[in-house]
Amino acid sequence: MSHTTEVRERVLAYIEEGGLIKTACKLFRVSRSSIQRWRLRKTVTGVLSPVERTNAPYKVDDEALKRYIEFHPDAHLNELASHFGLTPSGIWRALKRLKITRKKDHALC
C-alpha cells in the first residue's frame, strides 16, 4: 500500500527544513528510494499524490484459450504461447486466472 499524500508532504517538509534523509527514513519509516522518488515527482509534476493504477485488458481472449485447450488438451505452454502470440509466462498467468491446470493424467498412459 502506498503512503498517503500527507505523509509524503511531512517527509519532504522535514527535509526542506534541513533534516537529513537518513533521519527522515528512520523517523517516518520510509525508504530512501521512496523519498528520492517523491522529491523527483514533486519537482517534475508538482504533485505528490500516488499515481492512479489502471488495469490493462487481458492480452488473450479467455474463451478462445478455453476452446483451444479443449481441442488441443496436450498442447504445451510454448505451443499455446506461439498460437496466441504471447510468452509462455503470459499463457501460464492466463491459465492460472482461469483455474485451468496443465497436469497430465499419467494413469491413462
PDB file of N, CA and C in Angstrom:
ATOM      1  N   MET A   1       0.846  -1.171   0.000  1.00  0.00           N
ATOM      2  CA  MET A   1       0.000   0.000   0.000  1.00  0.00           C
ATOM      3  C   MET A   1       0.895   1.239   0.000  1.00  0.00           C
ATOM      4  N   SER A   2       0.470   2.234  -0.730  1.00  0.00           N
ATOM      5  CA  SER A   2       1.293   3.437  -0.840  1.00  0.00           C
ATOM      6  C   SER A   2       1.061   4.362   0.355  1.00  0.00           C
ATOM      7  N   HIS A   3       2.021   5.238   0.567  1.00  0.00           N
ATOM      8  CA  HIS A   3       1.916   6.211   1.649  1.00  0.00           C
ATOM      9  C   HIS A   3       0.945   7.316   1.248  1.00  0.00           C
ATOM     10  N   THR A   4       0.278   7.871   2.227  1.00  0.00           N
ATOM     11  CA  THR A   4      -0.675   8.942   1.947  1.00  0.00           C
ATOM     12  C   THR A   4       0.063  10.205   1.520  1.00  0.00           C
ATOM     13  N   THR A   5      -0.675  11.086   0.877  1.00  0.00           N
ATOM     14  CA  THR A   5      -0.099  12.356   0.439  1.00  0.00           C
ATOM     15  C   THR A   5       0.370  13.162   1.639  1.00  0.00           C
ATOM     16  N   GLU A   6      -0.354  13.066   2.749  1.00  0.00           N
ATOM     17  CA  GLU A   6       0.014  13.801   3.965  1.00  0.00           C
ATOM     18  C   GLU A   6       1.391  13.367   4.472  1.00  0.00           C
ATOM     19  N   VAL A   7       1.636  12.068   4.497  1.00  0.00           N
ATOM     20  CA  VAL A   7       2.932  11.554   4.956  1.00  0.00           C
ATOM     21  C   VAL A   7       4.035  12.027   4.016  1.00  0.00           C
ATOM     22  N   ARG A   8       3.778  11.966   2.731  1.00  0.00           N
ATOM     23  CA  ARG A   8       4.774  12.407   1.753  1.00  0.00           C
ATOM     24  C   ARG A   8       5.121  13.877   1.963  1.00  0.00           C
ATOM     25  N   GLU A   9       4.097  14.698   2.179  1.00  0.00           N
ATOM     26  CA  GLU A   9       4.319  16.137   2.396  1.00  0.00           C
ATOM     27  C   GLU A   9       5.114  16.386   3.671  1.00  0.00           C
ATOM     28  N   ARG A  10       4.799  15.636   4.737  1.00  0.00           N
ATOM     29  CA  ARG A  10       5.509  15.816   6.000  1.00  0.00           C
ATOM     30  C   ARG A  10       6.979  15.432   5.867  1.00  0.00           C
ATOM     31  N   VAL A  11       7.246  14.345   5.145  1.00  0.00           N
ATOM     32  CA  VAL A  11       8.630  13.903   4.950  1.00  0.00           C
ATOM     33  C   VAL A  11       9.413  14.954   4.178  1.00  0.00           C
ATOM     34  N   LEU A  12       8.849  15.433   3.075  1.00  0.00           N
ATOM     35  CA  LEU A  12       9.558  16.423   2.264  1.00  0.00           C
ATOM     36  C   LEU A  12       9.698  17.752   2.990  1.00  0.00           C
ATOM     37  N   ALA A  13       8.711  18.121   3.803  1.00  0.00           N
ATOM     38  CA  ALA A  13       8.821  19.355   4.585  1.00  0.00           C
ATOM     39  C   ALA A  13       9.958  19.230   5.593  1.00  0.00           C
ATOM     40  N   TYR A  14      10.079  18.066   6.218  1.00  0.00           N
ATOM     41  CA  TYR A  14      11.157  17.823   7.177  1.00  0.00           C
ATOM     42  C   TYR A  14      12.520  17.993   6.505  1.00  0.00           C
ATOM     43  N   ILE A  15      12.659  17.436   5.313  1.00  0.00           N
ATOM     44  CA  ILE A  15      13.934  17.519   4.594  1.00  0.00           C
ATOM     45  C   ILE A  15      14.204  18.950   4.133  1.00  0.00           C
ATOM     46  N   GLU A  16      13.179  19.638   3.665  1.00  0.00           N
ATOM     47  CA  GLU A  16      13.348  21.025   3.210  1.00  0.00           C
ATOM     48  C   GLU A  16      13.740  21.958   4.349  1.00  0.00           C
ATOM     49  N   GLU A  17      13.362  21.593   5.581  1.00  0.00           N
ATOM     50  CA  GLU A  17      13.716  22.398   6.753  1.00  0.00           C
ATOM     51  C   GLU A  17      15.117  22.071   7.259  1.00  0.00           C
ATOM     52  N   GLY A  18      15.830  21.200   6.548  1.00  0.00           N
ATOM     53  CA  GLY A  18      17.205  20.906   6.927  1.00  0.00           C
ATOM     54  C   GLY A  18      17.422  19.529   7.510  1.00  0.00           C
ATOM     55  N   GLY A  19      16.383  18.733   7.610  1.00  0.00           N
ATOM     56  CA  GLY A  19      16.537  17.382   8.139  1.00  0.00           C
ATOM     57  C   GLY A  19      17.267  16.482   7.156  1.00  0.00           C
ATOM     58  N   LEU A  20      17.979  15.521   7.680  1.00  0.00           N
ATOM     59  CA  LEU A  20      18.721  14.586   6.843  1.00  0.00           C
ATOM     60  C   LEU A  20      17.792  13.495   6.315  1.00  0.00           C
ATOM     61  N   ILE A  21      18.084  13.036   5.118  1.00  0.00           N
ATOM     62  CA  ILE A  21      17.275  11.971   4.523  1.00  0.00           C
ATOM     63  C   ILE A  21      17.371  10.705   5.371  1.00  0.00           C
ATOM     64  N   LYS A  22      18.564  10.404   5.859  1.00  0.00           N
ATOM     65  CA  LYS A  22      18.762   9.215   6.687  1.00  0.00           C
ATOM     66  C   LYS A  22      17.885   9.274   7.940  1.00  0.00           C
ATOM     67  N   THR A  23      17.816  10.445   8.558  1.00  0.00           N
ATOM     68  CA  THR A  23      16.989  10.621   9.755  1.00  0.00           C
ATOM     69  C   THR A  23      15.511  10.528   9.401  1.00  0.00           C
ATOM     70  N   ALA A  24      15.140  11.119   8.262  1.00  0.00           N
ATOM     71  CA  ALA A  24      13.740  11.076   7.824  1.00  0.00           C
ATOM     72  C   ALA A  24      13.292   9.642   7.576  1.00  0.00           C
ATOM     73  N   CYS A  25      14.189   8.827   7.044  1.00  0.00           N
ATOM     74  CA  CYS A  25      13.867   7.419   6.800  1.00  0.00           C
ATOM     75  C   CYS A  25      13.485   6.714   8.096  1.00  0.00           C
ATOM     76  N   LYS A  26      14.279   6.941   9.125  1.00  0.00           N
ATOM     77  CA  LYS A  26      14.015   6.301  10.415  1.00  0.00           C
ATOM     78  C   LYS A  26      12.799   6.907  11.105  1.00  0.00           C
ATOM     79  N   LEU A  27      12.689   8.221  11.061  1.00  0.00           N
ATOM     80  CA  LEU A  27      11.619   8.924  11.756  1.00  0.00           C
ATOM     81  C   LEU A  27      10.243   8.603  11.174  1.00  0.00           C
ATOM     82  N   PHE A  28      10.145   8.587   9.840  1.00  0.00           N
ATOM     83  CA  PHE A  28       8.851   8.375   9.189  1.00  0.00           C
ATOM     84  C   PHE A  28       8.660   6.949   8.678  1.00  0.00           C
ATOM     85  N   ARG A  29       9.698   6.117   8.871  1.00  0.00           N
ATOM     86  CA  ARG A  29       9.657   4.716   8.448  1.00  0.00           C
ATOM     87  C   ARG A  29       9.358   4.573   6.954  1.00  0.00           C
ATOM     88  N   VAL A  30      10.140   5.273   6.169  1.00  0.00           N
ATOM     89  CA  VAL A  30      10.048   5.170   4.713  1.00  0.00           C
ATOM     90  C   VAL A  30      11.449   4.914   4.164  1.00  0.00           C
ATOM     91  N   SER A  31      11.521   4.401   2.968  1.00  0.00           N
ATOM     92  CA  SER A  31      12.826   4.103   2.382  1.00  0.00           C
ATOM     93  C   SER A  31      13.430   5.329   1.710  1.00  0.00           C
ATOM     94  N   ARG A  32      14.727   5.282   1.579  1.00  0.00           N
ATOM     95  CA  ARG A  32      15.457   6.362   0.907  1.00  0.00           C
ATOM     96  C   ARG A  32      14.981   6.489  -0.539  1.00  0.00           C
ATOM     97  N   SER A  33      14.765   5.360  -1.201  1.00  0.00           N
ATOM     98  CA  SER A  33      14.335   5.408  -2.602  1.00  0.00           C
ATOM     99  C   SER A  33      12.952   6.045  -2.738  1.00  0.00           C
ATOM    100  N   SER A  34      12.078   5.820  -1.761  1.00  0.00           N
ATOM    101  CA  SER A  34      10.754   6.460  -1.797  1.00  0.00           C
ATOM    102  C   SER A  34      10.894   7.971  -1.694  1.00  0.00           C
ATOM    103  N   ILE A  35      11.738   8.423  -0.779  1.00  0.00           N
ATOM    104  CA  ILE A  35      11.946   9.867  -0.607  1.00  0.00           C
ATOM    105  C   ILE A  35      12.508  10.471  -1.888  1.00  0.00           C
ATOM    106  N   GLN A  36      13.482   9.817  -2.478  1.00  0.00           N
ATOM    107  CA  GLN A  36      14.063  10.331  -3.720  1.00  0.00           C
ATOM    108  C   GLN A  36      13.025  10.371  -4.839  1.00  0.00           C
ATOM    109  N   ARG A  37      12.198   9.345  -4.909  1.00  0.00           N
ATOM    110  CA  ARG A  37      11.144   9.297  -5.923  1.00  0.00           C
ATOM    111  C   ARG A  37      10.126  10.419  -5.711  1.00  0.00           C
ATOM    112  N   TRP A  38       9.748  10.666  -4.445  1.00  0.00           N
ATOM    113  CA  TRP A  38       8.782  11.730  -4.138  1.00  0.00           C
ATOM    114  C   TRP A  38       9.354  13.098  -4.480  1.00  0.00           C
ATOM    115  N   ARG A  39      10.636  13.308  -4.154  1.00  0.00           N
ATOM    116  CA  ARG A  39      11.268  14.600  -4.460  1.00  0.00           C
ATOM    117  C   ARG A  39      11.278  14.841  -5.970  1.00  0.00           C
ATOM    118  N   LEU A  40      11.628  13.832  -6.722  1.00  0.00           N
ATOM    119  CA  LEU A  40      11.652  13.949  -8.173  1.00  0.00           C
ATOM    120  C   LEU A  40      10.247  14.208  -8.719  1.00  0.00           C
ATOM    121  N   ARG A  41       9.273  13.469  -8.210  1.00  0.00           N
ATOM    122  CA  ARG A  41       7.883  13.634  -8.662  1.00  0.00           C
ATOM    123  C   ARG A  41       7.384  15.043  -8.381  1.00  0.00           C
ATOM    124  N   LYS A  42       7.703  15.573  -7.193  1.00  0.00           N
ATOM    125  CA  LYS A  42       7.266  16.924  -6.843  1.00  0.00           C
ATOM    126  C   LYS A  42       7.957  17.960  -7.730  1.00  0.00           C
ATOM    127  N   THR A  43       9.232  17.745  -8.025  1.00  0.00           N
ATOM    128  CA  THR A  43       9.976  18.676  -8.877  1.00  0.00           C
ATOM    129  C   THR A  43       9.429  18.673 -10.308  1.00  0.00           C
ATOM    130  N   VAL A  44       9.167  17.497 -10.836  1.00  0.00           N
ATOM    131  CA  VAL A  44       8.748  17.368 -12.232  1.00  0.00           C
ATOM    132  C   VAL A  44       7.280  17.731 -12.429  1.00  0.00           C
ATOM    133  N   THR A  45       6.400  17.188 -11.576  1.00  0.00           N
ATOM    134  CA  THR A  45       4.959  17.374 -11.785  1.00  0.00           C
ATOM    135  C   THR A  45       4.325  18.366 -10.827  1.00  0.00           C
ATOM    136  N   GLY A  46       4.979  18.604  -9.684  1.00  0.00           N
ATOM    137  CA  GLY A  46       4.401  19.485  -8.680  1.00  0.00           C
ATOM    138  C   GLY A  46       3.339  18.810  -7.833  1.00  0.00           C
ATOM    139  N   VAL A  47       3.172  17.504  -8.005  1.00  0.00           N
ATOM    140  CA  VAL A  47       2.134  16.748  -7.304  1.00  0.00           C
ATOM    141  C   VAL A  47       2.789  15.622  -6.515  1.00  0.00           C
ATOM    142  N   LEU A  48       2.245  15.334  -5.340  1.00  0.00           N
ATOM    143  CA  LEU A  48       2.780  14.246  -4.518  1.00  0.00           C
ATOM    144  C   LEU A  48       1.825  13.066  -4.376  1.00  0.00           C
ATOM    145  N   SER A  49       0.611  13.198  -4.849  1.00  0.00           N
ATOM    146  CA  SER A  49      -0.371  12.133  -4.659  1.00  0.00           C
ATOM    147  C   SER A  49       0.058  10.866  -5.396  1.00  0.00           C
ATOM    148  N   PRO A  50      -0.337   9.705  -4.873  1.00  0.00           N
ATOM    149  CA  PRO A  50       0.029   8.441  -5.517  1.00  0.00           C
ATOM    150  C   PRO A  50      -0.529   8.367  -6.939  1.00  0.00           C
ATOM    151  N   VAL A  51       0.182   7.673  -7.795  1.00  0.00           N
ATOM    152  CA  VAL A  51      -0.238   7.511  -9.182  1.00  0.00           C
ATOM    153  C   VAL A  51      -1.409   6.540  -9.237  1.00  0.00           C
ATOM    154  N   GLU A  52      -2.439   6.903  -9.988  1.00  0.00           N
ATOM    155  CA  GLU A  52      -3.581   6.011 -10.168  1.00  0.00           C
ATOM    156  C   GLU A  52      -3.164   4.840 -11.047  1.00  0.00           C
ATOM    157  N   ARG A  53      -3.441   3.648 -10.593  1.00  0.00           N
ATOM    158  CA  ARG A  53      -3.108   2.454 -11.358  1.00  0.00           C
ATOM    159  C   ARG A  53      -4.348   1.993 -12.119  1.00  0.00           C
ATOM    160  N   THR A  54      -4.166   1.648 -13.365  1.00  0.00           N
ATOM    161  CA  THR A  54      -5.268   1.113 -14.157  1.00  0.00           C
ATOM    162  C   THR A  54      -4.886  -0.281 -14.616  1.00  0.00           C
ATOM    163  N   ASN A  55      -5.858  -1.134 -14.685  1.00  0.00           N
ATOM    164  CA  ASN A  55      -5.607  -2.491 -15.145  1.00  0.00           C
ATOM    165  C   ASN A  55      -5.766  -2.534 -16.656  1.00  0.00           C
ATOM    166  N   ALA A  56      -4.756  -3.003 -17.324  1.00  0.00           N
ATOM    167  CA  ALA A  56      -4.820  -3.156 -18.769  1.00  0.00           C
ATOM    168  C   ALA A  56      -5.686  -4.372 -19.098  1.00  0.00           C
ATOM    169  N   PRO A  57      -6.336  -4.374 -20.240  1.00  0.00           N
ATOM    170  CA  PRO A  57      -7.137  -5.546 -20.610  1.00  0.00           C
ATOM    171  C   PRO A  57      -6.231  -6.756 -20.825  1.00  0.00           C
ATOM    172  N   TYR A  58      -6.804  -7.937 -20.640  1.00  0.00           N
ATOM    173  CA  TYR A  58      -6.030  -9.157 -20.834  1.00  0.00           C
ATOM    174  C   TYR A  58      -5.616  -9.279 -22.294  1.00  0.00           C
ATOM    175  N   LYS A  59      -4.449  -9.857 -22.526  1.00  0.00           N
ATOM    176  CA  LYS A  59      -3.916  -9.963 -23.882  1.00  0.00           C
ATOM    177  C   LYS A  59      -4.442 -11.177 -24.631  1.00  0.00           C
ATOM    178  N   VAL A  60      -5.111 -12.060 -23.924  1.00  0.00           N
ATOM    179  CA  VAL A  60      -5.653 -13.250 -24.573  1.00  0.00           C
ATOM    180  C   VAL A  60      -7.140 -13.342 -24.236  1.00  0.00           C
ATOM    181  N   ASP A  61      -7.932 -13.721 -25.236  1.00  0.00           N
ATOM    182  CA  ASP A  61      -9.364 -13.906 -25.025  1.00  0.00           C
ATOM    183  C   ASP A  61      -9.564 -15.206 -24.251  1.00  0.00           C
ATOM    184  N   ASP A  62     -10.199 -15.110 -23.092  1.00  0.00           N
ATOM    185  CA  ASP A  62     -10.364 -16.277 -22.227  1.00  0.00           C
ATOM    186  C   ASP A  62     -11.112 -17.409 -22.924  1.00  0.00           C
ATOM    187  N   GLU A  63     -12.179 -17.070 -23.637  1.00  0.00           N
ATOM    188  CA  GLU A  63     -12.979 -18.098 -24.312  1.00  0.00           C
ATOM    189  C   GLU A  63     -12.176 -18.775 -25.421  1.00  0.00           C
ATOM    190  N   ALA A  64     -11.401 -17.999 -26.157  1.00  0.00           N
ATOM    191  CA  ALA A  64     -10.579 -18.575 -27.225  1.00  0.00           C
ATOM    192  C   ALA A  64      -9.538 -19.526 -26.638  1.00  0.00           C
ATOM    193  N   LEU A  65      -8.952 -19.151 -25.519  1.00  0.00           N
ATOM    194  CA  LEU A  65      -7.968 -20.009 -24.859  1.00  0.00           C
ATOM    195  C   LEU A  65      -8.620 -21.301 -24.383  1.00  0.00           C
ATOM    196  N   LYS A  66      -9.802 -21.202 -23.783  1.00  0.00           N
ATOM    197  CA  LYS A  66     -10.514 -22.400 -23.321  1.00  0.00           C
ATOM    198  C   LYS A  66     -10.843 -23.326 -24.491  1.00  0.00           C
ATOM    199  N   ARG A  67     -11.327 -22.756 -25.606  1.00  0.00           N
ATOM    200  CA  ARG A  67     -11.672 -23.567 -26.783  1.00  0.00           C
ATOM    201  C   ARG A  67     -10.427 -24.258 -27.347  1.00  0.00           C
ATOM    202  N   TYR A  68      -9.334 -23.519 -27.425  1.00  0.00           N
ATOM    203  CA  TYR A  68      -8.110 -24.100 -27.971  1.00  0.00           C
ATOM    204  C   TYR A  68      -7.643 -25.264 -27.108  1.00  0.00           C
ATOM    205  N   ILE A  69      -7.693 -25.093 -25.804  1.00  0.00           N
ATOM    206  CA  ILE A  69      -7.263 -26.163 -24.895  1.00  0.00           C
ATOM    207  C   ILE A  69      -8.211 -27.353 -24.986  1.00  0.00           C
ATOM    208  N   GLU A  70      -9.486 -27.087 -25.208  1.00  0.00           N
ATOM    209  CA  GLU A  70     -10.467 -28.165 -25.343  1.00  0.00           C
ATOM    210  C   GLU A  70     -10.134 -29.045 -26.554  1.00  0.00           C
ATOM    211  N   PHE A  71      -9.712 -28.424 -27.651  1.00  0.00           N
ATOM    212  CA  PHE A  71      -9.387 -29.178 -28.865  1.00  0.00           C
ATOM    213  C   PHE A  71      -7.932 -29.643 -28.913  1.00  0.00           C
ATOM    214  N   HIS A  72      -7.082 -29.054 -28.108  1.00  0.00           N
ATOM    215  CA  HIS A  72      -5.668 -29.427 -28.043  1.00  0.00           C
ATOM    216  C   HIS A  72      -5.265 -29.617 -26.575  1.00  0.00           C
ATOM    217  N   PRO A  73      -5.783 -30.659 -25.923  1.00  0.00           N
ATOM    218  CA  PRO A  73      -5.529 -30.814 -24.484  1.00  0.00           C
ATOM    219  C   PRO A  73      -4.069 -31.095 -24.128  1.00  0.00           C
ATOM    220  N   ASP A  74      -3.289 -31.584 -25.079  1.00  0.00           N
ATOM    221  CA  ASP A  74      -1.889 -31.908 -24.791  1.00  0.00           C
ATOM    222  C   ASP A  74      -0.924 -30.804 -25.200  1.00  0.00           C
ATOM    223  N   ALA A  75      -1.426 -29.662 -25.593  1.00  0.00           N
ATOM    224  CA  ALA A  75      -0.560 -28.562 -26.035  1.00  0.00           C
ATOM    225  C   ALA A  75       0.284 -28.054 -24.871  1.00  0.00           C
ATOM    226  N   HIS A  76       1.548 -27.834 -25.149  1.00  0.00           N
ATOM    227  CA  HIS A  76       2.465 -27.299 -24.144  1.00  0.00           C
ATOM    228  C   HIS A  76       2.340 -25.783 -24.086  1.00  0.00           C
ATOM    229  N   LEU A  77       2.892 -25.194 -23.033  1.00  0.00           N
ATOM    230  CA  LEU A  77       2.838 -23.737 -22.882  1.00  0.00           C
ATOM    231  C   LEU A  77       3.463 -23.017 -24.073  1.00  0.00           C
ATOM    232  N   ASN A  78       4.571 -23.552 -24.575  1.00  0.00           N
ATOM    233  CA  ASN A  78       5.225 -22.915 -25.726  1.00  0.00           C
ATOM    234  C   ASN A  78       4.328 -22.932 -26.959  1.00  0.00           C
ATOM    235  N   GLU A  79       3.608 -24.033 -27.162  1.00  0.00           N
ATOM    236  CA  GLU A  79       2.691 -24.122 -28.300  1.00  0.00           C
ATOM    237  C   GLU A  79       1.553 -23.120 -28.141  1.00  0.00           C
ATOM    238  N   LEU A  80       0.997 -23.057 -26.949  1.00  0.00           N
ATOM    239  CA  LEU A  80      -0.084 -22.102 -26.686  1.00  0.00           C
ATOM    240  C   LEU A  80       0.406 -20.674 -26.873  1.00  0.00           C
ATOM    241  N   ALA A  81       1.604 -20.408 -26.384  1.00  0.00           N
ATOM    242  CA  ALA A  81       2.164 -19.061 -26.481  1.00  0.00           C
ATOM    243  C   ALA A  81       2.357 -18.652 -27.934  1.00  0.00           C
ATOM    244  N   SER A  82       2.904 -19.543 -28.753  1.00  0.00           N
ATOM    245  CA  SER A  82       3.123 -19.182 -30.157  1.00  0.00           C
ATOM    246  C   SER A  82       1.800 -19.036 -30.898  1.00  0.00           C
ATOM    247  N   HIS A  83       0.799 -19.842 -30.552  1.00  0.00           N
ATOM    248  CA  HIS A  83      -0.512 -19.729 -31.204  1.00  0.00           C
ATOM    249  C   HIS A  83      -1.175 -18.385 -30.903  1.00  0.00           C
ATOM    250  N   PHE A  84      -1.077 -17.933 -29.658  1.00  0.00           N
ATOM    251  CA  PHE A  84      -1.739 -16.691 -29.249  1.00  0.00           C
ATOM    252  C   PHE A  84      -0.824 -15.468 -29.321  1.00  0.00           C
ATOM    253  N   GLY A  85       0.438 -15.675 -29.679  1.00  0.00           N
ATOM    254  CA  GLY A  85       1.363 -14.552 -29.802  1.00  0.00           C
ATOM    255  C   GLY A  85       1.770 -13.949 -28.468  1.00  0.00           C
ATOM    256  N   LEU A  86       1.891 -14.803 -27.461  1.00  0.00           N
ATOM    257  CA  LEU A  86       2.288 -14.362 -26.124  1.00  0.00           C
ATOM    258  C   LEU A  86       3.523 -15.123 -25.679  1.00  0.00           C
ATOM    259  N   THR A  87       3.974 -14.821 -24.478  1.00  0.00           N
ATOM    260  CA  THR A  87       5.072 -15.571 -23.883  1.00  0.00           C
ATOM    261  C   THR A  87       4.493 -16.736 -23.088  1.00  0.00           C
ATOM    262  N   PRO A  88       5.281 -17.774 -22.845  1.00  0.00           N
ATOM    263  CA  PRO A  88       4.785 -18.876 -22.013  1.00  0.00           C
ATOM    264  C   PRO A  88       4.325 -18.412 -20.631  1.00  0.00           C
ATOM    265  N   SER A  89       5.035 -17.432 -20.054  1.00  0.00           N
ATOM    266  CA  SER A  89       4.619 -16.957 -18.725  1.00  0.00           C
ATOM    267  C   SER A  89       3.281 -16.228 -18.803  1.00  0.00           C
ATOM    268  N   GLY A  90       3.015 -15.535 -19.904  1.00  0.00           N
ATOM    269  CA  GLY A  90       1.720 -14.867 -20.083  1.00  0.00           C
ATOM    270  C   GLY A  90       0.589 -15.877 -20.184  1.00  0.00           C
ATOM    271  N   ILE A  91       0.835 -16.968 -20.908  1.00  0.00           N
ATOM    272  CA  ILE A  91      -0.163 -18.039 -21.011  1.00  0.00           C
ATOM    273  C   ILE A  91      -0.368 -18.684 -19.651  1.00  0.00           C
ATOM    274  N   TRP A  92       0.739 -18.911 -18.925  1.00  0.00           N
ATOM    275  CA  TRP A  92       0.636 -19.535 -17.606  1.00  0.00           C
ATOM    276  C   TRP A  92      -0.229 -18.685 -16.672  1.00  0.00           C
ATOM    277  N   ARG A  93      -0.043 -17.349 -16.705  1.00  0.00           N
ATOM    278  CA  ARG A  93      -0.855 -16.462 -15.857  1.00  0.00           C
ATOM    279  C   ARG A  93      -2.326 -16.511 -16.259  1.00  0.00           C
ATOM    280  N   ALA A  94      -2.590 -16.576 -17.562  1.00  0.00           N
ATOM    281  CA  ALA A  94      -3.979 -16.662 -18.031  1.00  0.00           C
ATOM    282  C   ALA A  94      -4.609 -17.970 -17.566  1.00  0.00           C
ATOM    283  N   LEU A  95      -3.875 -19.062 -17.673  1.00  0.00           N
ATOM    284  CA  LEU A  95      -4.391 -20.356 -17.216  1.00  0.00           C
ATOM    285  C   LEU A  95      -4.639 -20.344 -15.714  1.00  0.00           C
ATOM    286  N   LYS A  96      -3.750 -19.736 -14.982  1.00  0.00           N
ATOM    287  CA  LYS A  96      -3.914 -19.644 -13.529  1.00  0.00           C
ATOM    288  C   LYS A  96      -5.159 -18.829 -13.192  1.00  0.00           C
ATOM    289  N   ARG A  97      -5.353 -17.714 -13.906  1.00  0.00           N
ATOM    290  CA  ARG A  97      -6.520 -16.865 -13.680  1.00  0.00           C
ATOM    291  C   ARG A  97      -7.815 -17.635 -13.970  1.00  0.00           C
ATOM    292  N   LEU A  98      -7.781 -18.499 -15.001  1.00  0.00           N
ATOM    293  CA  LEU A  98      -8.955 -19.285 -15.380  1.00  0.00           C
ATOM    294  C   LEU A  98      -9.076 -20.575 -14.577  1.00  0.00           C
ATOM    295  N   LYS A  99      -8.107 -20.823 -13.689  1.00  0.00           N
ATOM    296  CA  LYS A  99      -8.076 -22.019 -12.839  1.00  0.00           C
ATOM    297  C   LYS A  99      -8.036 -23.301 -13.673  1.00  0.00           C
ATOM    298  N   ILE A 100      -7.219 -23.256 -14.723  1.00  0.00           N
ATOM    299  CA  ILE A 100      -7.013 -24.416 -15.578  1.00  0.00           C
ATOM    300  C   ILE A 100      -5.630 -24.969 -15.268  1.00  0.00           C
ATOM    301  N   THR A 101      -5.580 -26.241 -14.890  1.00  0.00           N
ATOM    302  CA  THR A 101      -4.295 -26.867 -14.600  1.00  0.00           C
ATOM    303  C   THR A 101      -3.797 -27.572 -15.848  1.00  0.00           C
ATOM    304  N   ARG A 102      -2.509 -27.696 -15.980  1.00  0.00           N
ATOM    305  CA  ARG A 102      -1.903 -28.328 -17.149  1.00  0.00           C
ATOM    306  C   ARG A 102      -1.266 -29.658 -16.772  1.00  0.00           C
ATOM    307  N   LYS A 103      -1.677 -30.244 -15.667  1.00  0.00           N
ATOM    308  CA  LYS A 103      -1.092 -31.513 -15.251  1.00  0.00           C
ATOM    309  C   LYS A 103      -1.628 -32.630 -16.141  1.00  0.00           C
ATOM    310  N   LYS A 104      -0.747 -33.509 -16.518  1.00  0.00           N
ATOM    311  CA  LYS A 104      -1.121 -34.651 -17.343  1.00  0.00           C
ATOM    312  C   LYS A 104      -1.634 -35.766 -16.440  1.00  0.00           C
ATOM    313  N   ASP A 105      -2.578 -36.532 -16.937  1.00  0.00           N
ATOM    314  CA  ASP A 105      -3.113 -37.664 -16.196  1.00  0.00           C
ATOM    315  C   ASP A 105      -2.302 -38.898 -16.585  1.00  0.00           C
ATOM    316  N   HIS A 106      -1.300 -39.233 -15.776  1.00  0.00           N
ATOM    317  CA  HIS A 106      -0.404 -40.338 -16.094  1.00  0.00           C
ATOM    318  C   HIS A 106      -1.083 -41.694 -15.915  1.00  0.00           C
ATOM    319  N   ALA A 107      -2.210 -41.752 -15.227  1.00  0.00           N
ATOM    320  CA  ALA A 107      -2.914 -43.009 -15.031  1.00  0.00           C
ATOM    321  C   ALA A 107      -3.494 -43.507 -16.352  1.00  0.00           C
ATOM    322  N   LEU A 108      -3.748 -42.625 -17.287  1.00  0.00           N
ATOM    323  CA  LEU A 108      -4.319 -43.012 -18.571  1.00  0.00           C
ATOM    324  C   LEU A 108      -3.270 -43.514 -19.553  1.00  0.00           C
ATOM    325  N   CYS A 109      -1.990 -43.316 -19.251  1.00  0.00           N
ATOM    326  CA  CYS A 109      -0.922 -43.707 -20.186  1.00  0.00           C
ATOM    327  C   CYS A 109      -0.733 -45.197 -20.242  1.00  0.00           C
TER     328      CYS A 109
END
